[in-house]
């Protein structure tokens, strides 16, 4: 499958990405290679293959939950750069 520049522009718009002309050409080639690889994978018979749950072979080591000491409210706010009575004050991130 070949990604053309118009398809890339639509994808970039949806993903909120911006490319200059050189970057767009490289991204078009890269995305075309990815889609070609996926098409190649689709040629394989995977009917007997179990789905993967995780890509990692590592096992998560769980520990028992234990109740421990916690910070009281005042100690938790002690080093806050700005606070408003009971809460941290942070800069507004949305208008």
C-alpha atoms as a PDB file:
ATOM      1  CA  UNK A   1       0.000   0.000   0.000  1.00  0.00           C
ATOM      2  CA  UNK A   2       1.358   3.391  -0.940  1.00  0.00           C
ATOM      3  CA  UNK A   3       0.764   6.451   1.220  1.00  0.00           C
ATOM      4  CA  UNK A   4       0.481   9.580  -0.891  1.00  0.00           C
ATOM      5  CA  UNK A   5       1.044  13.126   0.297  1.00  0.00           C
ATOM      6  CA  UNK A   6      -2.707  13.814   0.619  1.00  0.00           C
ATOM      7  CA  UNK A   7      -3.191  10.791   2.894  1.00  0.00           C
ATOM      8  CA  UNK A   8      -0.213  11.912   4.965  1.00  0.00           C
ATOM      9  CA  UNK A   9      -1.699  15.402   5.297  1.00  0.00           C
ATOM     10  CA  UNK A  10      -5.002  13.930   6.542  1.00  0.00           C
ATOM     11  CA  UNK A  11      -3.197  11.688   9.051  1.00  0.00           C
ATOM     12  CA  UNK A  12      -0.987  14.566  10.179  1.00  0.00           C
ATOM     13  CA  UNK A  13      -4.030  16.770  10.685  1.00  0.00           C
ATOM     14  CA  UNK A  14      -5.794  14.121  12.776  1.00  0.00           C
ATOM     15  CA  UNK A  15      -2.632  13.482  14.826  1.00  0.00           C
ATOM     16  CA  UNK A  16      -1.871  17.207  15.127  1.00  0.00           C
ATOM     17  CA  UNK A  17       1.526  16.747  13.454  1.00  0.00           C
ATOM     18  CA  UNK A  18       3.388  19.166  11.239  1.00  0.00           C
ATOM     19  CA  UNK A  19       6.006  18.284   8.622  1.00  0.00           C
ATOM     20  CA  UNK A  20       8.143  20.352   6.339  1.00  0.00           C
ATOM     21  CA  UNK A  21       8.464  19.112   2.751  1.00  0.00           C
ATOM     22  CA  UNK A  22      11.532  16.974   3.475  1.00  0.00           C
ATOM     23  CA  UNK A  23       9.989  15.509   6.624  1.00  0.00           C
ATOM     24  CA  UNK A  24       6.760  14.753   4.767  1.00  0.00           C
ATOM     25  CA  UNK A  25       8.625  12.809   2.073  1.00  0.00           C
ATOM     26  CA  UNK A  26      10.479  10.779   4.691  1.00  0.00           C
ATOM     27  CA  UNK A  27       7.303  10.119   6.684  1.00  0.00           C
ATOM     28  CA  UNK A  28       5.491   9.042   3.514  1.00  0.00           C
ATOM     29  CA  UNK A  29       8.251   6.520   2.769  1.00  0.00           C
ATOM     30  CA  UNK A  30       8.326   5.281   6.394  1.00  0.00           C
ATOM     31  CA  UNK A  31       4.545   4.853   6.608  1.00  0.00           C
ATOM     32  CA  UNK A  32       4.485   3.056   3.273  1.00  0.00           C
ATOM     33  CA  UNK A  33       7.157   0.638   4.546  1.00  0.00           C
ATOM     34  CA  UNK A  34       5.161   0.002   7.729  1.00  0.00           C
ATOM     35  CA  UNK A  35       1.972  -0.718   5.787  1.00  0.00           C
ATOM     36  CA  UNK A  36       3.871  -2.983   3.370  1.00  0.00           C
ATOM     37  CA  UNK A  37       5.205  -4.925   6.372  1.00  0.00           C
ATOM     38  CA  UNK A  38       1.697  -5.264   7.839  1.00  0.00           C
ATOM     39  CA  UNK A  39       0.402  -6.500   4.477  1.00  0.00           C
ATOM     40  CA  UNK A  40       3.203  -9.076   4.450  1.00  0.00           C
ATOM     41  CA  UNK A  41       2.176 -10.225   7.925  1.00  0.00           C
ATOM     42  CA  UNK A  42      -1.430 -10.568   6.748  1.00  0.00           C
ATOM     43  CA  UNK A  43      -0.262 -13.253   4.310  1.00  0.00           C
ATOM     44  CA  UNK A  44       0.608 -15.563   7.224  1.00  0.00           C
ATOM     45  CA  UNK A  45      -1.828 -18.131   8.554  1.00  0.00           C
ATOM     46  CA  UNK A  46      -2.267 -17.215  12.219  1.00  0.00           C
ATOM     47  CA  UNK A  47      -5.350 -19.320  12.899  1.00  0.00           C
ATOM     48  CA  UNK A  48      -3.371 -21.622  15.224  1.00  0.00           C
ATOM     49  CA  UNK A  49      -1.510 -18.809  17.027  1.00  0.00           C
ATOM     50  CA  UNK A  50      -2.648 -17.780  20.498  1.00  0.00           C
ATOM     51  CA  UNK A  51      -3.058 -14.004  20.927  1.00  0.00           C
ATOM     52  CA  UNK A  52      -0.414 -12.278  23.016  1.00  0.00           C
ATOM     53  CA  UNK A  53      -1.429 -10.707  26.282  1.00  0.00           C
ATOM     54  CA  UNK A  54       1.809  -8.785  26.656  1.00  0.00           C
ATOM     55  CA  UNK A  55       4.898  -8.166  24.563  1.00  0.00           C
ATOM     56  CA  UNK A  56       7.203  -8.525  27.554  1.00  0.00           C
ATOM     57  CA  UNK A  57       8.364 -11.802  29.028  1.00  0.00           C
ATOM     58  CA  UNK A  58       8.943 -10.195  32.407  1.00  0.00           C
ATOM     59  CA  UNK A  59       6.732 -11.183  35.295  1.00  0.00           C
ATOM     60  CA  UNK A  60       5.359  -8.551  37.634  1.00  0.00           C
ATOM     61  CA  UNK A  61       6.414  -9.252  41.198  1.00  0.00           C
ATOM     62  CA  UNK A  62       3.546  -8.463  43.516  1.00  0.00           C
ATOM     63  CA  UNK A  63       3.913  -7.652  47.176  1.00  0.00           C
ATOM     64  CA  UNK A  64       1.410  -7.785  49.946  1.00  0.00           C
ATOM     65  CA  UNK A  65      -0.284  -4.482  50.743  1.00  0.00           C
ATOM     66  CA  UNK A  66       0.689  -3.149  54.135  1.00  0.00           C
ATOM     67  CA  UNK A  67      -0.734  -0.196  56.008  1.00  0.00           C
ATOM     68  CA  UNK A  68       2.075   2.196  56.875  1.00  0.00           C
ATOM     69  CA  UNK A  69       2.683   5.712  57.999  1.00  0.00           C
ATOM     70  CA  UNK A  70       1.411   8.513  55.837  1.00  0.00           C
ATOM     71  CA  UNK A  71       1.949  12.248  55.748  1.00  0.00           C
ATOM     72  CA  UNK A  72      -0.516  14.370  57.569  1.00  0.00           C
ATOM     73  CA  UNK A  73      -2.123  17.187  55.623  1.00  0.00           C
ATOM     74  CA  UNK A  74       0.178  19.952  56.857  1.00  0.00           C
ATOM     75  CA  UNK A  75       3.392  17.998  56.201  1.00  0.00           C
ATOM     76  CA  UNK A  76       2.155  17.139  52.721  1.00  0.00           C
ATOM     77  CA  UNK A  77       1.713  20.813  51.862  1.00  0.00           C
ATOM     78  CA  UNK A  78       4.812  22.011  53.736  1.00  0.00           C
ATOM     79  CA  UNK A  79       7.078  22.303  50.669  1.00  0.00           C
ATOM     80  CA  UNK A  80       4.419  23.364  48.181  1.00  0.00           C
ATOM     81  CA  UNK A  81       5.617  26.379  46.191  1.00  0.00           C
ATOM     82  CA  UNK A  82       2.090  27.786  46.311  1.00  0.00           C
ATOM     83  CA  UNK A  83      -0.880  26.601  48.297  1.00  0.00           C
ATOM     84  CA  UNK A  84      -4.423  27.692  48.901  1.00  0.00           C
ATOM     85  CA  UNK A  85      -5.558  26.652  52.379  1.00  0.00           C
ATOM     86  CA  UNK A  86      -5.858  22.874  51.872  1.00  0.00           C
ATOM     87  CA  UNK A  87      -4.631  22.446  48.266  1.00  0.00           C
ATOM     88  CA  UNK A  88      -1.609  22.847  45.996  1.00  0.00           C
ATOM     89  CA  UNK A  89      -1.915  25.789  43.635  1.00  0.00           C
ATOM     90  CA  UNK A  90      -0.732  25.048  40.116  1.00  0.00           C
ATOM     91  CA  UNK A  91      -0.652  27.146  36.949  1.00  0.00           C
ATOM     92  CA  UNK A  92      -3.717  26.956  34.744  1.00  0.00           C
ATOM     93  CA  UNK A  93      -3.137  24.636  31.790  1.00  0.00           C
ATOM     94  CA  UNK A  94      -6.414  25.168  29.937  1.00  0.00           C
ATOM     95  CA  UNK A  95      -8.225  28.337  29.054  1.00  0.00           C
END
